[in-house]
């Protein structure tokens, strides 16, 4: 499990660094600060104001089990996985905990 966790973190951080680098290079190449002022809020119709950062963080918390999967929210799926993992860890009896672990191992085997 530790090896899978390390590979997942390495892959996630690696792809994030590559994506941030590409984004930074594109930003420097395009240089949007020199873009014309033709696109002002008054000329854009139907565009809503950006949500605040706190609203974005609140939207990361899924409203139900299926919403992160249906709305393609990777962070919501991650948070849901963390919640389920911690909940399984704190099941006091060994037998029910093993039953839940075996269930998820079976589901994992089906999807793989």
C-alpha atoms as a PDB file:
ATOM      1  CA  UNK A   1       0.000   0.000   0.000  1.00  0.00           C
ATOM      2  CA  UNK A   2       2.854   2.384   0.814  1.00  0.00           C
ATOM      3  CA  UNK A   3       4.408   1.816  -2.620  1.00  0.00           C
ATOM      4  CA  UNK A   4       1.108   2.569  -4.379  1.00  0.00           C
ATOM      5  CA  UNK A   5       0.666   5.707  -2.255  1.00  0.00           C
ATOM      6  CA  UNK A   6       4.193   6.904  -3.096  1.00  0.00           C
ATOM      7  CA  UNK A   7       3.655   6.305  -6.809  1.00  0.00           C
ATOM      8  CA  UNK A   8       0.327   8.142  -6.739  1.00  0.00           C
ATOM      9  CA  UNK A   9       1.804  11.145  -4.912  1.00  0.00           C
ATOM     10  CA  UNK A  10       4.838  11.226  -7.220  1.00  0.00           C
ATOM     11  CA  UNK A  11       2.623  11.058 -10.301  1.00  0.00           C
ATOM     12  CA  UNK A  12       0.235  13.704  -8.962  1.00  0.00           C
ATOM     13  CA  UNK A  13       2.976  16.128  -7.981  1.00  0.00           C
ATOM     14  CA  UNK A  14       4.880  15.501 -11.216  1.00  0.00           C
ATOM     15  CA  UNK A  15       1.887  16.175 -13.446  1.00  0.00           C
ATOM     16  CA  UNK A  16       0.981  19.234 -11.371  1.00  0.00           C
ATOM     17  CA  UNK A  17       4.471  20.688 -11.781  1.00  0.00           C
ATOM     18  CA  UNK A  18       4.405  20.023 -15.530  1.00  0.00           C
ATOM     19  CA  UNK A  19       0.943  21.592 -15.874  1.00  0.00           C
ATOM     20  CA  UNK A  20       1.958  24.644 -13.833  1.00  0.00           C
ATOM     21  CA  UNK A  21       5.104  25.065 -15.914  1.00  0.00           C
ATOM     22  CA  UNK A  22       3.185  24.844 -19.185  1.00  0.00           C
ATOM     23  CA  UNK A  23       0.601  27.293 -17.853  1.00  0.00           C
ATOM     24  CA  UNK A  24       3.302  29.731 -16.768  1.00  0.00           C
ATOM     25  CA  UNK A  25       5.060  29.499 -20.141  1.00  0.00           C
ATOM     26  CA  UNK A  26       1.790  30.068 -21.993  1.00  0.00           C
ATOM     27  CA  UNK A  27       1.005  33.033 -19.766  1.00  0.00           C
ATOM     28  CA  UNK A  28       4.401  34.553 -20.501  1.00  0.00           C
ATOM     29  CA  UNK A  29       4.032  33.817 -24.214  1.00  0.00           C
ATOM     30  CA  UNK A  30       0.498  35.193 -24.581  1.00  0.00           C
ATOM     31  CA  UNK A  31       1.023  38.061 -22.098  1.00  0.00           C
ATOM     32  CA  UNK A  32      -2.641  38.812 -21.353  1.00  0.00           C
ATOM     33  CA  UNK A  33      -1.807  42.112 -19.645  1.00  0.00           C
ATOM     34  CA  UNK A  34      -1.247  43.587 -23.115  1.00  0.00           C
ATOM     35  CA  UNK A  35      -4.561  42.300 -24.456  1.00  0.00           C
ATOM     36  CA  UNK A  36      -6.977  44.873 -25.784  1.00  0.00           C
ATOM     37  CA  UNK A  37      -9.615  46.235 -23.471  1.00  0.00           C
ATOM     38  CA  UNK A  38     -12.391  45.226 -25.859  1.00  0.00           C
ATOM     39  CA  UNK A  39     -13.496  42.556 -23.429  1.00  0.00           C
ATOM     40  CA  UNK A  40     -14.895  44.483 -20.531  1.00  0.00           C
ATOM     41  CA  UNK A  41     -17.564  43.252 -18.125  1.00  0.00           C
ATOM     42  CA  UNK A  42     -20.132  45.433 -19.878  1.00  0.00           C
ATOM     43  CA  UNK A  43     -19.450  43.794 -23.253  1.00  0.00           C
ATOM     44  CA  UNK A  44     -19.618  40.255 -21.911  1.00  0.00           C
ATOM     45  CA  UNK A  45     -23.199  39.101 -21.581  1.00  0.00           C
ATOM     46  CA  UNK A  46     -24.231  36.048 -19.637  1.00  0.00           C
ATOM     47  CA  UNK A  47     -20.928  35.785 -17.788  1.00  0.00           C
ATOM     48  CA  UNK A  48     -21.393  35.499 -14.059  1.00  0.00           C
ATOM     49  CA  UNK A  49     -19.007  36.970 -11.540  1.00  0.00           C
ATOM     50  CA  UNK A  50     -16.332  34.631 -10.305  1.00  0.00           C
ATOM     51  CA  UNK A  51     -17.059  32.936  -7.020  1.00  0.00           C
ATOM     52  CA  UNK A  52     -14.949  33.757  -4.042  1.00  0.00           C
ATOM     53  CA  UNK A  53     -12.166  31.461  -2.883  1.00  0.00           C
ATOM     54  CA  UNK A  54     -14.176  30.342   0.142  1.00  0.00           C
ATOM     55  CA  UNK A  55     -17.094  29.395  -2.123  1.00  0.00           C
ATOM     56  CA  UNK A  56     -14.698  27.343  -4.240  1.00  0.00           C
ATOM     57  CA  UNK A  57     -13.475  25.493  -1.132  1.00  0.00           C
ATOM     58  CA  UNK A  58     -17.058  24.836  -0.044  1.00  0.00           C
ATOM     59  CA  UNK A  59     -17.863  23.422  -3.480  1.00  0.00           C
ATOM     60  CA  UNK A  60     -15.063  20.860  -3.039  1.00  0.00           C
ATOM     61  CA  UNK A  61     -17.063  19.131  -0.313  1.00  0.00           C
ATOM     62  CA  UNK A  62     -19.479  16.788  -2.092  1.00  0.00           C
ATOM     63  CA  UNK A  63     -23.187  17.113  -1.370  1.00  0.00           C
ATOM     64  CA  UNK A  64     -23.718  13.379  -1.875  1.00  0.00           C
ATOM     65  CA  UNK A  65     -21.723  10.279  -2.797  1.00  0.00           C
ATOM     66  CA  UNK A  66     -22.412  10.464  -6.534  1.00  0.00           C
ATOM     67  CA  UNK A  67     -22.006  14.198  -7.246  1.00  0.00           C
ATOM     68  CA  UNK A  68     -18.188  14.271  -7.546  1.00  0.00           C
ATOM     69  CA  UNK A  69     -18.317  11.422 -10.068  1.00  0.00           C
ATOM     70  CA  UNK A  70     -21.170  12.940 -12.084  1.00  0.00           C
ATOM     71  CA  UNK A  71     -19.638  16.439 -12.075  1.00  0.00           C
ATOM     72  CA  UNK A  72     -16.069  15.199 -12.745  1.00  0.00           C
ATOM     73  CA  UNK A  73     -14.652  16.774  -9.578  1.00  0.00           C
ATOM     74  CA  UNK A  74     -11.360  15.030  -8.896  1.00  0.00           C
ATOM     75  CA  UNK A  75     -10.817  16.857  -5.608  1.00  0.00           C
ATOM     76  CA  UNK A  76     -14.316  15.901  -4.457  1.00  0.00           C
ATOM     77  CA  UNK A  77     -13.579  12.244  -5.207  1.00  0.00           C
ATOM     78  CA  UNK A  78     -10.308  12.539  -3.281  1.00  0.00           C
ATOM     79  CA  UNK A  79     -12.050  14.085  -0.272  1.00  0.00           C
ATOM     80  CA  UNK A  80     -14.734  11.396  -0.413  1.00  0.00           C
ATOM     81  CA  UNK A  81     -12.041   8.708  -0.514  1.00  0.00           C
ATOM     82  CA  UNK A  82     -10.266  10.243   2.467  1.00  0.00           C
ATOM     83  CA  UNK A  83     -13.495  10.378   4.458  1.00  0.00           C
ATOM     84  CA  UNK A  84     -14.308   6.744   3.686  1.00  0.00           C
ATOM     85  CA  UNK A  85     -10.738   5.654   4.487  1.00  0.00           C
ATOM     86  CA  UNK A  86     -10.722   7.417   7.844  1.00  0.00           C
ATOM     87  CA  UNK A  87     -14.190   6.066   8.650  1.00  0.00           C
ATOM     88  CA  UNK A  88     -13.047   2.498   7.899  1.00  0.00           C
ATOM     89  CA  UNK A  89      -9.964   3.027  10.046  1.00  0.00           C
ATOM     90  CA  UNK A  90     -12.120   3.946  13.060  1.00  0.00           C
ATOM     91  CA  UNK A  91     -14.511   0.987  12.895  1.00  0.00           C
ATOM     92  CA  UNK A  92     -13.941  -0.479  16.361  1.00  0.00           C
ATOM     93  CA  UNK A  93     -14.681  -4.166  15.669  1.00  0.00           C
ATOM     94  CA  UNK A  94     -12.214  -6.134  13.552  1.00  0.00           C
ATOM     95  CA  UNK A  95     -14.737  -8.331  11.714  1.00  0.00           C
ATOM     96  CA  UNK A  96     -16.936  -5.532  10.266  1.00  0.00           C
ATOM     97  CA  UNK A  97     -13.798  -3.568   9.337  1.00  0.00           C
ATOM     98  CA  UNK A  98     -12.422  -6.556   7.431  1.00  0.00           C
ATOM     99  CA  UNK A  99     -15.788  -7.038   5.684  1.00  0.00           C
ATOM    100  CA  UNK A 100     -15.724  -3.442   4.440  1.00  0.00           C
ATOM    101  CA  UNK A 101     -12.074  -3.736   3.395  1.00  0.00           C
ATOM    102  CA  UNK A 102     -12.832  -6.972   1.500  1.00  0.00           C
ATOM    103  CA  UNK A 103     -15.793  -5.272  -0.187  1.00  0.00           C
ATOM    104  CA  UNK A 104     -13.615  -2.431  -1.482  1.00  0.00           C
ATOM    105  CA  UNK A 105     -10.894  -4.869  -2.531  1.00  0.00           C
ATOM    106  CA  UNK A 106     -13.510  -6.757  -4.534  1.00  0.00           C
ATOM    107  CA  UNK A 107     -14.775  -3.561  -6.159  1.00  0.00           C
ATOM    108  CA  UNK A 108     -11.181  -2.597  -6.949  1.00  0.00           C
ATOM    109  CA  UNK A 109     -10.640  -6.027  -8.555  1.00  0.00           C
ATOM    110  CA  UNK A 110     -13.770  -5.594 -10.672  1.00  0.00           C
ATOM    111  CA  UNK A 111     -12.680  -2.188 -11.987  1.00  0.00           C
ATOM    112  CA  UNK A 112      -9.108  -3.268 -12.641  1.00  0.00           C
END
